[in-house]
């Protein structure tokens, strides 16, 4: 059974964590290539990825954990991501 002191401690810890900054990345796809292939790359070459155009992108925390998926949108002159799915603990990560 939680006491008022326990609840207060949890509230303080939650407030502390909310101020921690983390890196958030958006991954549009991946591929595997040999170093030889990479060494031959030139401006204008295209690297095919494993996702279709318009497929959801992964929103990744600290380069490790997929936390959500979304669709790429434009925000003025920059890119943004509209969240379409929050990934639960039961989902495969990475």
PDB file of N, CA and C in Angstrom:
ATOM      1  N   UNK A   1       0.839  -1.184   0.000  1.00  0.00           N
ATOM      2  CA  UNK A   1       0.000   0.000   0.000  1.00  0.00           C
ATOM      3  C   UNK A   1       0.881   1.243   0.000  1.00  0.00           C
ATOM      4  N   UNK A   2       0.602   2.192  -0.888  1.00  0.00           N
ATOM      5  CA  UNK A   2       1.393   3.415  -1.000  1.00  0.00           C
ATOM      6  C   UNK A   2       1.011   4.408   0.079  1.00  0.00           C
ATOM      7  N   UNK A   3       2.040   5.040   0.601  1.00  0.00           N
ATOM      8  CA  UNK A   3       1.798   6.108   1.564  1.00  0.00           C
ATOM      9  C   UNK A   3       1.871   7.441   0.843  1.00  0.00           C
ATOM     10  N   UNK A   4       1.466   8.498   1.522  1.00  0.00           N
ATOM     11  CA  UNK A   4       1.556   9.834   0.928  1.00  0.00           C
ATOM     12  C   UNK A   4       3.001  10.195   0.612  1.00  0.00           C
ATOM     13  N   UNK A   5       3.942   9.724   1.442  1.00  0.00           N
ATOM     14  CA  UNK A   5       5.363   9.999   1.218  1.00  0.00           C
ATOM     15  C   UNK A   5       5.817   9.318  -0.073  1.00  0.00           C
ATOM     16  N   UNK A   6       5.394   8.066  -0.291  1.00  0.00           N
ATOM     17  CA  UNK A   6       5.748   7.356  -1.520  1.00  0.00           C
ATOM     18  C   UNK A   6       5.196   8.074  -2.747  1.00  0.00           C
ATOM     19  N   UNK A   7       3.983   8.526  -2.671  1.00  0.00           N
ATOM     20  CA  UNK A   7       3.358   9.231  -3.785  1.00  0.00           C
ATOM     21  C   UNK A   7       4.106  10.531  -4.067  1.00  0.00           C
ATOM     22  N   UNK A   8       4.497  11.241  -3.019  1.00  0.00           N
ATOM     23  CA  UNK A   8       5.260  12.484  -3.188  1.00  0.00           C
ATOM     24  C   UNK A   8       6.615  12.218  -3.836  1.00  0.00           C
ATOM     25  N   UNK A   9       7.293  11.154  -3.411  1.00  0.00           N
ATOM     26  CA  UNK A   9       8.597  10.803  -4.004  1.00  0.00           C
ATOM     27  C   UNK A   9       8.438  10.471  -5.488  1.00  0.00           C
ATOM     28  N   UNK A  10       7.399   9.726  -5.814  1.00  0.00           N
ATOM     29  CA  UNK A  10       7.162   9.383  -7.222  1.00  0.00           C
ATOM     30  C   UNK A  10       6.897  10.636  -8.040  1.00  0.00           C
ATOM     31  N   UNK A  11       6.163  11.576  -7.500  1.00  0.00           N
ATOM     32  CA  UNK A  11       5.869  12.818  -8.207  1.00  0.00           C
ATOM     33  C   UNK A  11       7.144  13.620  -8.440  1.00  0.00           C
ATOM     34  N   UNK A  12       8.035  13.658  -7.463  1.00  0.00           N
ATOM     35  CA  UNK A  12       9.310  14.375  -7.607  1.00  0.00           C
ATOM     36  C   UNK A  12      10.164  13.698  -8.671  1.00  0.00           C
ATOM     37  N   UNK A  13      10.254  12.369  -8.644  1.00  0.00           N
ATOM     38  CA  UNK A  13      11.049  11.645  -9.647  1.00  0.00           C
ATOM     39  C   UNK A  13      10.498  11.866 -11.051  1.00  0.00           C
ATOM     40  N   UNK A  14       9.197  11.830 -11.174  1.00  0.00           N
ATOM     41  CA  UNK A  14       8.590  12.053 -12.486  1.00  0.00           C
ATOM     42  C   UNK A  14       8.921  13.456 -12.981  1.00  0.00           C
ATOM     43  N   UNK A  15       8.845  14.445 -12.126  1.00  0.00           N
ATOM     44  CA  UNK A  15       9.166  15.821 -12.509  1.00  0.00           C
ATOM     45  C   UNK A  15      10.631  15.934 -12.929  1.00  0.00           C
ATOM     46  N   UNK A  16      11.526  15.237 -12.248  1.00  0.00           N
ATOM     47  CA  UNK A  16      12.946  15.265 -12.616  1.00  0.00           C
ATOM     48  C   UNK A  16      13.169  14.640 -13.991  1.00  0.00           C
ATOM     49  N   UNK A  17      12.526  13.517 -14.257  1.00  0.00           N
ATOM     50  CA  UNK A  17      12.691  12.857 -15.548  1.00  0.00           C
ATOM     51  C   UNK A  17      12.129  13.692 -16.688  1.00  0.00           C
ATOM     52  N   UNK A  18      11.090  14.433 -16.447  1.00  0.00           N
ATOM     53  CA  UNK A  18      10.477  15.233 -17.503  1.00  0.00           C
ATOM     54  C   UNK A  18      11.410  16.322 -18.025  1.00  0.00           C
ATOM     55  N   UNK A  19      12.423  16.698 -17.256  1.00  0.00           N
ATOM     56  CA  UNK A  19      13.358  17.731 -17.696  1.00  0.00           C
ATOM     57  C   UNK A  19      14.592  17.163 -18.402  1.00  0.00           C
ATOM     58  N   UNK A  20      14.739  15.836 -18.437  1.00  0.00           N
ATOM     59  CA  UNK A  20      15.870  15.203 -19.112  1.00  0.00           C
ATOM     60  C   UNK A  20      15.645  15.253 -20.618  1.00  0.00           C
ATOM     61  N   UNK A  21      16.671  15.671 -21.367  1.00  0.00           N
ATOM     62  CA  UNK A  21      16.545  15.692 -22.819  1.00  0.00           C
ATOM     63  C   UNK A  21      17.148  14.421 -23.412  1.00  0.00           C
ATOM     64  N   UNK A  22      16.549  13.949 -24.487  1.00  0.00           N
ATOM     65  CA  UNK A  22      17.010  12.752 -25.187  1.00  0.00           C
ATOM     66  C   UNK A  22      17.010  13.044 -26.683  1.00  0.00           C
ATOM     67  N   UNK A  23      17.773  12.257 -27.419  1.00  0.00           N
ATOM     68  CA  UNK A  23      17.806  12.397 -28.871  1.00  0.00           C
ATOM     69  C   UNK A  23      16.640  11.633 -29.484  1.00  0.00           C
ATOM     70  N   UNK A  24      15.915  12.280 -30.362  1.00  0.00           N
ATOM     71  CA  UNK A  24      14.824  11.646 -31.087  1.00  0.00           C
ATOM     72  C   UNK A  24      15.172  11.697 -32.577  1.00  0.00           C
ATOM     73  N   UNK A  25      15.199  10.538 -33.208  1.00  0.00           N
ATOM     74  CA  UNK A  25      15.520  10.430 -34.630  1.00  0.00           C
ATOM     75  C   UNK A  25      14.328   9.860 -35.381  1.00  0.00           C
ATOM     76  N   UNK A  26      14.303  10.104 -36.680  1.00  0.00           N
ATOM     77  CA  UNK A  26      13.280   9.538 -37.550  1.00  0.00           C
ATOM     78  C   UNK A  26      13.991   8.709 -38.607  1.00  0.00           C
ATOM     79  N   UNK A  27      13.633   7.427 -38.661  1.00  0.00           N
ATOM     80  CA  UNK A  27      14.263   6.513 -39.611  1.00  0.00           C
ATOM     81  C   UNK A  27      13.292   6.210 -40.740  1.00  0.00           C
ATOM     82  N   UNK A  28      13.733   6.470 -41.969  1.00  0.00           N
ATOM     83  CA  UNK A  28      12.868   6.236 -43.124  1.00  0.00           C
ATOM     84  C   UNK A  28      13.088   4.862 -43.746  1.00  0.00           C
ATOM     85  N   UNK A  29      14.167   4.203 -43.387  1.00  0.00           N
ATOM     86  CA  UNK A  29      14.443   2.879 -43.941  1.00  0.00           C
ATOM     87  C   UNK A  29      15.897   2.527 -43.757  1.00  0.00           C
ATOM     88  N   UNK A  30      16.262   1.328 -44.226  1.00  0.00           N
ATOM     89  CA  UNK A  30      17.645   0.885 -44.110  1.00  0.00           C
ATOM     90  C   UNK A  30      17.965  -0.060 -45.254  1.00  0.00           C
ATOM     91  N   UNK A  31      19.245  -0.325 -45.415  1.00  0.00           N
ATOM     92  CA  UNK A  31      19.726  -1.273 -46.406  1.00  0.00           C
ATOM     93  C   UNK A  31      21.105  -1.730 -45.979  1.00  0.00           C
ATOM     94  N   UNK A  32      21.604  -2.767 -46.599  1.00  0.00           N
ATOM     95  CA  UNK A  32      22.968  -3.250 -46.333  1.00  0.00           C
ATOM     96  C   UNK A  32      23.745  -3.179 -47.629  1.00  0.00           C
ATOM     97  N   UNK A  33      24.950  -2.638 -47.550  1.00  0.00           N
ATOM     98  CA  UNK A  33      25.829  -2.532 -48.706  1.00  0.00           C
ATOM     99  C   UNK A  33      27.252  -2.873 -48.275  1.00  0.00           C
ATOM    100  N   UNK A  34      28.035  -3.363 -49.209  1.00  0.00           N
ATOM    101  CA  UNK A  34      29.444  -3.640 -48.913  1.00  0.00           C
ATOM    102  C   UNK A  34      30.221  -2.322 -48.889  1.00  0.00           C
ATOM    103  N   UNK A  35      31.378  -2.355 -48.260  1.00  0.00           N
ATOM    104  CA  UNK A  35      32.232  -1.165 -48.278  1.00  0.00           C
ATOM    105  C   UNK A  35      32.617  -0.805 -49.705  1.00  0.00           C
ATOM    106  N   UNK A  36      32.791  -1.821 -50.542  1.00  0.00           N
ATOM    107  CA  UNK A  36      33.123  -1.551 -51.946  1.00  0.00           C
ATOM    108  C   UNK A  36      32.028  -0.754 -52.635  1.00  0.00           C
ATOM    109  N   UNK A  37      30.774  -1.141 -52.416  1.00  0.00           N
ATOM    110  CA  UNK A  37      29.643  -0.393 -52.987  1.00  0.00           C
ATOM    111  C   UNK A  37      29.642   1.040 -52.481  1.00  0.00           C
ATOM    112  N   UNK A  38      29.877   1.201 -51.186  1.00  0.00           N
ATOM    113  CA  UNK A  38      29.868   2.540 -50.599  1.00  0.00           C
ATOM    114  C   UNK A  38      31.014   3.403 -51.140  1.00  0.00           C
ATOM    115  N   UNK A  39      32.167   2.776 -51.368  1.00  0.00           N
ATOM    116  CA  UNK A  39      33.319   3.518 -51.888  1.00  0.00           C
ATOM    117  C   UNK A  39      33.076   4.032 -53.303  1.00  0.00           C
ATOM    118  N   UNK A  40      32.187   3.358 -54.048  1.00  0.00           N
ATOM    119  CA  UNK A  40      31.894   3.767 -55.430  1.00  0.00           C
ATOM    120  C   UNK A  40      30.775   4.807 -55.536  1.00  0.00           C
ATOM    121  N   UNK A  41      30.165   5.176 -54.416  1.00  0.00           N
ATOM    122  CA  UNK A  41      29.068   6.155 -54.467  1.00  0.00           C
ATOM    123  C   UNK A  41      29.538   7.507 -54.986  1.00  0.00           C
ATOM    124  N   UNK A  42      28.704   8.107 -55.799  1.00  0.00           N
ATOM    125  CA  UNK A  42      28.979   9.426 -56.367  1.00  0.00           C
ATOM    126  C   UNK A  42      27.725  10.282 -56.242  1.00  0.00           C
ATOM    127  N   UNK A  43      27.892  11.600 -56.290  1.00  0.00           N
ATOM    128  CA  UNK A  43      26.710  12.475 -56.260  1.00  0.00           C
ATOM    129  C   UNK A  43      25.723  12.077 -57.359  1.00  0.00           C
ATOM    130  N   UNK A  44      24.468  11.978 -57.007  1.00  0.00           N
ATOM    131  CA  UNK A  44      23.425  11.582 -57.947  1.00  0.00           C
ATOM    132  C   UNK A  44      23.046  10.118 -57.850  1.00  0.00           C
ATOM    133  N   UNK A  45      23.903   9.280 -57.235  1.00  0.00           N
ATOM    134  CA  UNK A  45      23.558   7.871 -57.036  1.00  0.00           C
ATOM    135  C   UNK A  45      22.375   7.773 -56.069  1.00  0.00           C
ATOM    136  N   UNK A  46      21.612   6.705 -56.198  1.00  0.00           N
ATOM    137  CA  UNK A  46      20.455   6.477 -55.330  1.00  0.00           C
ATOM    138  C   UNK A  46      20.675   5.194 -54.547  1.00  0.00           C
ATOM    139  N   UNK A  47      20.429   5.241 -53.251  1.00  0.00           N
ATOM    140  CA  UNK A  47      20.490   4.055 -52.407  1.00  0.00           C
ATOM    141  C   UNK A  47      19.052   3.649 -52.101  1.00  0.00           C
ATOM    142  N   UNK A  48      18.672   2.450 -52.530  1.00  0.00           N
ATOM    143  CA  UNK A  48      17.313   1.965 -52.259  1.00  0.00           C
ATOM    144  C   UNK A  48      17.200   1.528 -50.808  1.00  0.00           C
ATOM    145  N   UNK A  49      16.066   1.847 -50.202  1.00  0.00           N
ATOM    146  CA  UNK A  49      15.793   1.464 -48.825  1.00  0.00           C
ATOM    147  C   UNK A  49      14.732   0.377 -48.787  1.00  0.00           C
ATOM    148  N   UNK A  50      14.497  -0.168 -47.598  1.00  0.00           N
ATOM    149  CA  UNK A  50      13.593  -1.308 -47.447  1.00  0.00           C
ATOM    150  C   UNK A  50      12.134  -0.921 -47.225  1.00  0.00           C
ATOM    151  N   UNK A  51      11.783   0.342 -47.455  1.00  0.00           N
ATOM    152  CA  UNK A  51      10.392   0.773 -47.251  1.00  0.00           C
ATOM    153  C   UNK A  51       9.864   1.472 -48.494  1.00  0.00           C
ATOM    154  N   UNK A  52       8.572   1.330 -48.673  1.00  0.00           N
ATOM    155  CA  UNK A  52       7.914   1.982 -49.797  1.00  0.00           C
ATOM    156  C   UNK A  52       7.723   3.467 -49.507  1.00  0.00           C
ATOM    157  N   UNK A  53       7.654   4.250 -50.565  1.00  0.00           N
ATOM    158  CA  UNK A  53       7.327   5.667 -50.422  1.00  0.00           C
ATOM    159  C   UNK A  53       5.954   5.773 -49.757  1.00  0.00           C
ATOM    160  N   UNK A  54       5.847   6.605 -48.741  1.00  0.00           N
ATOM    161  CA  UNK A  54       4.593   6.779 -48.031  1.00  0.00           C
ATOM    162  C   UNK A  54       4.385   5.833 -46.860  1.00  0.00           C
ATOM    163  N   UNK A  55       5.295   4.856 -46.705  1.00  0.00           N
ATOM    164  CA  UNK A  55       5.188   3.934 -45.564  1.00  0.00           C
ATOM    165  C   UNK A  55       5.494   4.682 -44.274  1.00  0.00           C
ATOM    166  N   UNK A  56       4.956   4.226 -43.149  1.00  0.00           N
ATOM    167  CA  UNK A  56       5.259   4.891 -41.875  1.00  0.00           C
ATOM    168  C   UNK A  56       6.761   4.890 -41.590  1.00  0.00           C
ATOM    169  N   UNK A  57       7.233   5.952 -40.947  1.00  0.00           N
ATOM    170  CA  UNK A  57       8.629   6.058 -40.519  1.00  0.00           C
ATOM    171  C   UNK A  57       8.697   5.721 -39.032  1.00  0.00           C
ATOM    172  N   UNK A  58       9.866   5.279 -38.584  1.00  0.00           N
ATOM    173  CA  UNK A  58      10.066   4.966 -37.172  1.00  0.00           C
ATOM    174  C   UNK A  58      10.573   6.198 -36.439  1.00  0.00           C
ATOM    175  N   UNK A  59      10.030   6.446 -35.264  1.00  0.00           N
ATOM    176  CA  UNK A  59      10.502   7.513 -34.386  1.00  0.00           C
ATOM    177  C   UNK A  59      11.279   6.815 -33.282  1.00  0.00           C
ATOM    178  N   UNK A  60      12.567   7.140 -33.175  1.00  0.00           N
ATOM    179  CA  UNK A  60      13.498   6.353 -32.385  1.00  0.00           C
ATOM    180  C   UNK A  60      14.116   7.205 -31.278  1.00  0.00           C
ATOM    181  N   UNK A  61      14.162   6.649 -30.079  1.00  0.00           N
ATOM    182  CA  UNK A  61      14.724   7.309 -28.913  1.00  0.00           C
ATOM    183  C   UNK A  61      16.163   6.855 -28.707  1.00  0.00           C
ATOM    184  N   UNK A  62      17.072   7.818 -28.634  1.00  0.00           N
ATOM    185  CA  UNK A  62      18.491   7.545 -28.379  1.00  0.00           C
ATOM    186  C   UNK A  62      19.091   6.474 -29.285  1.00  0.00           C
ATOM    187  N   UNK A  63      18.684   6.467 -30.545  1.00  0.00           N
ATOM    188  CA  UNK A  63      19.214   5.557 -31.565  1.00  0.00           C
ATOM    189  C   UNK A  63      19.002   4.086 -31.248  1.00  0.00           C
ATOM    190  N   UNK A  64      18.070   3.771 -30.348  1.00  0.00           N
ATOM    191  CA  UNK A  64      17.906   2.382 -29.931  1.00  0.00           C
ATOM    192  C   UNK A  64      16.471   1.882 -29.927  1.00  0.00           C
ATOM    193  N   UNK A  65      15.542   2.664 -29.432  1.00  0.00           N
ATOM    194  CA  UNK A  65      14.212   2.167 -29.137  1.00  0.00           C
ATOM    195  C   UNK A  65      13.174   2.864 -30.003  1.00  0.00           C
ATOM    196  N   UNK A  66      12.427   2.070 -30.779  1.00  0.00           N
ATOM    197  CA  UNK A  66      11.324   2.627 -31.562  1.00  0.00           C
ATOM    198  C   UNK A  66      10.180   2.923 -30.598  1.00  0.00           C
ATOM    199  N   UNK A  67       9.816   4.203 -30.488  1.00  0.00           N
ATOM    200  CA  UNK A  67       8.755   4.581 -29.548  1.00  0.00           C
ATOM    201  C   UNK A  67       7.432   4.878 -30.242  1.00  0.00           C
ATOM    202  N   UNK A  68       7.509   5.153 -31.563  1.00  0.00           N
ATOM    203  CA  UNK A  68       6.285   5.492 -32.289  1.00  0.00           C
ATOM    204  C   UNK A  68       6.538   5.361 -33.782  1.00  0.00           C
ATOM    205  N   UNK A  69       5.473   5.478 -34.558  1.00  0.00           N
ATOM    206  CA  UNK A  69       5.566   5.524 -36.021  1.00  0.00           C
ATOM    207  C   UNK A  69       4.721   6.693 -36.498  1.00  0.00           C
ATOM    208  N   UNK A  70       5.051   7.164 -37.684  1.00  0.00           N
ATOM    209  CA  UNK A  70       4.302   8.306 -38.176  1.00  0.00           C
ATOM    210  C   UNK A  70       4.502   8.529 -39.652  1.00  0.00           C
ATOM    211  N   UNK A  71       3.924   9.634 -40.113  1.00  0.00           N
ATOM    212  CA  UNK A  71       4.047   9.992 -41.528  1.00  0.00           C
ATOM    213  C   UNK A  71       4.776  11.331 -41.634  1.00  0.00           C
ATOM    214  N   UNK A  72       5.617  11.413 -42.643  1.00  0.00           N
ATOM    215  CA  UNK A  72       6.389  12.632 -42.867  1.00  0.00           C
ATOM    216  C   UNK A  72       5.468  13.723 -43.404  1.00  0.00           C
ATOM    217  N   UNK A  73       5.598  14.912 -42.824  1.00  0.00           N
ATOM    218  CA  UNK A  73       4.820  16.068 -43.255  1.00  0.00           C
ATOM    219  C   UNK A  73       5.758  17.252 -43.394  1.00  0.00           C
ATOM    220  N   UNK A  74       5.306  18.274 -44.108  1.00  0.00           N
ATOM    221  CA  UNK A  74       6.120  19.484 -44.153  1.00  0.00           C
ATOM    222  C   UNK A  74       5.576  20.493 -43.148  1.00  0.00           C
ATOM    223  N   UNK A  75       6.520  21.168 -42.505  1.00  0.00           N
ATOM    224  CA  UNK A  75       6.208  22.201 -41.528  1.00  0.00           C
ATOM    225  C   UNK A  75       6.954  23.441 -41.999  1.00  0.00           C
ATOM    226  N   UNK A  76       6.291  24.230 -42.825  1.00  0.00           N
ATOM    227  CA  UNK A  76       6.990  25.359 -43.440  1.00  0.00           C
ATOM    228  C   UNK A  76       8.055  24.834 -44.383  1.00  0.00           C
ATOM    229  N   UNK A  77       9.309  25.217 -44.123  1.00  0.00           N
ATOM    230  CA  UNK A  77      10.430  24.777 -44.951  1.00  0.00           C
ATOM    231  C   UNK A  77      11.168  23.579 -44.364  1.00  0.00           C
ATOM    232  N   UNK A  78      10.603  22.962 -43.352  1.00  0.00           N
ATOM    233  CA  UNK A  78      11.265  21.835 -42.701  1.00  0.00           C
ATOM    234  C   UNK A  78      10.347  20.615 -42.684  1.00  0.00           C
ATOM    235  N   UNK A  79      10.949  19.477 -42.356  1.00  0.00           N
ATOM    236  CA  UNK A  79      10.184  18.244 -42.218  1.00  0.00           C
ATOM    237  C   UNK A  79       9.650  18.111 -40.800  1.00  0.00           C
ATOM    238  N   UNK A  80       8.558  17.386 -40.667  1.00  0.00           N
ATOM    239  CA  UNK A  80       8.009  17.009 -39.374  1.00  0.00           C
ATOM    240  C   UNK A  80       7.447  15.608 -39.503  1.00  0.00           C
ATOM    241  N   UNK A  81       6.979  15.051 -38.401  1.00  0.00           N
ATOM    242  CA  UNK A  81       6.376  13.721 -38.414  1.00  0.00           C
ATOM    243  C   UNK A  81       5.076  13.776 -37.630  1.00  0.00           C
ATOM    244  N   UNK A  82       4.000  13.363 -38.272  1.00  0.00           N
ATOM    245  CA  UNK A  82       2.706  13.244 -37.602  1.00  0.00           C
ATOM    246  C   UNK A  82       2.631  11.843 -37.011  1.00  0.00           C
ATOM    247  N   UNK A  83       2.450  11.749 -35.704  1.00  0.00           N
ATOM    248  CA  UNK A  83       2.397  10.465 -35.014  1.00  0.00           C
ATOM    249  C   UNK A  83       1.120   9.720 -35.421  1.00  0.00           C
ATOM    250  N   UNK A  84       1.292   8.475 -35.861  1.00  0.00           N
ATOM    251  CA  UNK A  84       0.142   7.651 -36.220  1.00  0.00           C
ATOM    252  C   UNK A  84      -0.003   6.437 -35.312  1.00  0.00           C
ATOM    253  N   UNK A  85       1.079   6.091 -34.590  1.00  0.00           N
ATOM    254  CA  UNK A  85       1.048   4.903 -33.728  1.00  0.00           C
ATOM    255  C   UNK A  85       2.073   5.060 -32.618  1.00  0.00           C
ATOM    256  N   UNK A  86       1.687   4.744 -31.398  1.00  0.00           N
ATOM    257  CA  UNK A  86       2.618   4.644 -30.279  1.00  0.00           C
ATOM    258  C   UNK A  86       2.948   3.168 -30.128  1.00  0.00           C
ATOM    259  N   UNK A  87       4.237   2.854 -30.093  1.00  0.00           N
ATOM    260  CA  UNK A  87       4.671   1.460 -30.025  1.00  0.00           C
ATOM    261  C   UNK A  87       4.663   1.017 -28.576  1.00  0.00           C
ATOM    262  N   UNK A  88       3.972  -0.099 -28.290  1.00  0.00           N
ATOM    263  CA  UNK A  88       3.897  -0.643 -26.942  1.00  0.00           C
ATOM    264  C   UNK A  88       5.070  -1.547 -26.626  1.00  0.00           C
ATOM    265  N   UNK A  89       5.198  -1.927 -25.373  1.00  0.00           N
ATOM    266  CA  UNK A  89       6.281  -2.799 -24.927  1.00  0.00           C
ATOM    267  C   UNK A  89       6.271  -4.152 -25.622  1.00  0.00           C
ATOM    268  N   UNK A  90       5.094  -4.613 -26.012  1.00  0.00           N
ATOM    269  CA  UNK A  90       4.996  -5.926 -26.626  1.00  0.00           C
ATOM    270  C   UNK A  90       5.469  -5.944 -28.080  1.00  0.00           C
ATOM    271  N   UNK A  91       5.606  -4.766 -28.684  1.00  0.00           N
ATOM    272  CA  UNK A  91       6.019  -4.696 -30.086  1.00  0.00           C
ATOM    273  C   UNK A  91       7.515  -4.954 -30.203  1.00  0.00           C
ATOM    274  N   UNK A  92       7.910  -5.462 -31.355  1.00  0.00           N
ATOM    275  CA  UNK A  92       9.321  -5.709 -31.615  1.00  0.00           C
ATOM    276  C   UNK A  92      10.043  -4.378 -31.715  1.00  0.00           C
ATOM    277  N   UNK A  93      11.176  -4.231 -31.065  1.00  0.00           N
ATOM    278  CA  UNK A  93      11.959  -3.007 -31.078  1.00  0.00           C
ATOM    279  C   UNK A  93      13.100  -3.156 -32.073  1.00  0.00           C
ATOM    280  N   UNK A  94      13.411  -2.010 -32.790  1.00  0.00           N
ATOM    281  CA  UNK A  94      14.550  -1.984 -33.684  1.00  0.00           C
ATOM    282  C   UNK A  94      14.202  -2.471 -34.987  1.00  0.00           C
TER     283      UNK A  94
END
